[in-house]
Amino acid sequence: MAAKLGYDDTPFLPNSRFRVHDDDRPKPPVVRPATPSMPNGAAGQPPSDAVILFSGKNLDNWVDSKDSEPAQWKVEHGYMEVVPGTGSIQTKETFGDCQLHVEWAAPTEIVGTSQGRGNSGVFLMGQYEIQVLDCYDNPTYADGVTAGIYGQWPPLANACRKPGEWQVYDIIWEAPRFEGDKLVRPAFVTVLFNGVVVQNHTQLIGPTTFRDTAGYTAHPSQGPLMLQDHANPVRFRNIWYRKLGDNSL
């Protein structure tokens, strides 16, 4: 019989069936951690429990966001690249609360200014945008800066690397909750941009829009990840997510 590693004579935690240091409380699963990517080198490896959305080989997990036809972006050298005019793409898979990892690179050749330079977007559930933009020495309006919640909340810092270098988003997404048509909890997002916290459990006011605001409208609890075609050849690689559930351990 295995020796006890906890206790069975301690007080119960509030609103829990477990005691403090409970010997019978389920142990967390063991996960091999991710390995880091290099700004000018190879992509790292996802953690062992991640769902891979893009591994660098093909677009089998992606479709055109308008008509669900096969995605038309270019895939080469371990990344996908926006082909301007072919349209935004989205995952076949849908998900809600998650830890999301996305790496992207703006074009090395600098073309345009402000919102016209290295523009794309990471749309959670297809309608909540984390801005992708080359803001390295490129001013623009505050709520359109890289890693901002577009049209709502600027990032806490501009942590952009140089054009052509790989940028990293690590996103913790908490989807909105609805009961029927009623919003019972808004969406929240935390974003680390190249290791810098730039959104800290930020509350969204609704879906993100251009030159307007939009309130919440009830929608399914899960949705796709969408990447935007904004007419710039932005590259993406090493995209994966981990589902997040309630912490009942």
Foldseek 3Di string as FASTA:
>chain_A
DDDFPFDDPADCDPPAPAGVRRSPADDDDDKAQWDCDFQPDDHTGHIPQWDFCAQQDDNPQKAAPPPRHRQDFDGDPFKTWFDAPRHKMWGPDKAAFWWKKKKKAWALDFDDAACVGRWKWKDFLNFFTQTGGQPPVGDYDQQRAHRHRHPPGGWPDRPDDHGPTMKMKTKGKHPWDDDVFHTPGFIFMWIQINNRTGGDRDGDQDTHDPPDDDHHGDDDNIHIIMMGNPPGTMMMHRIIIDHDDDPND
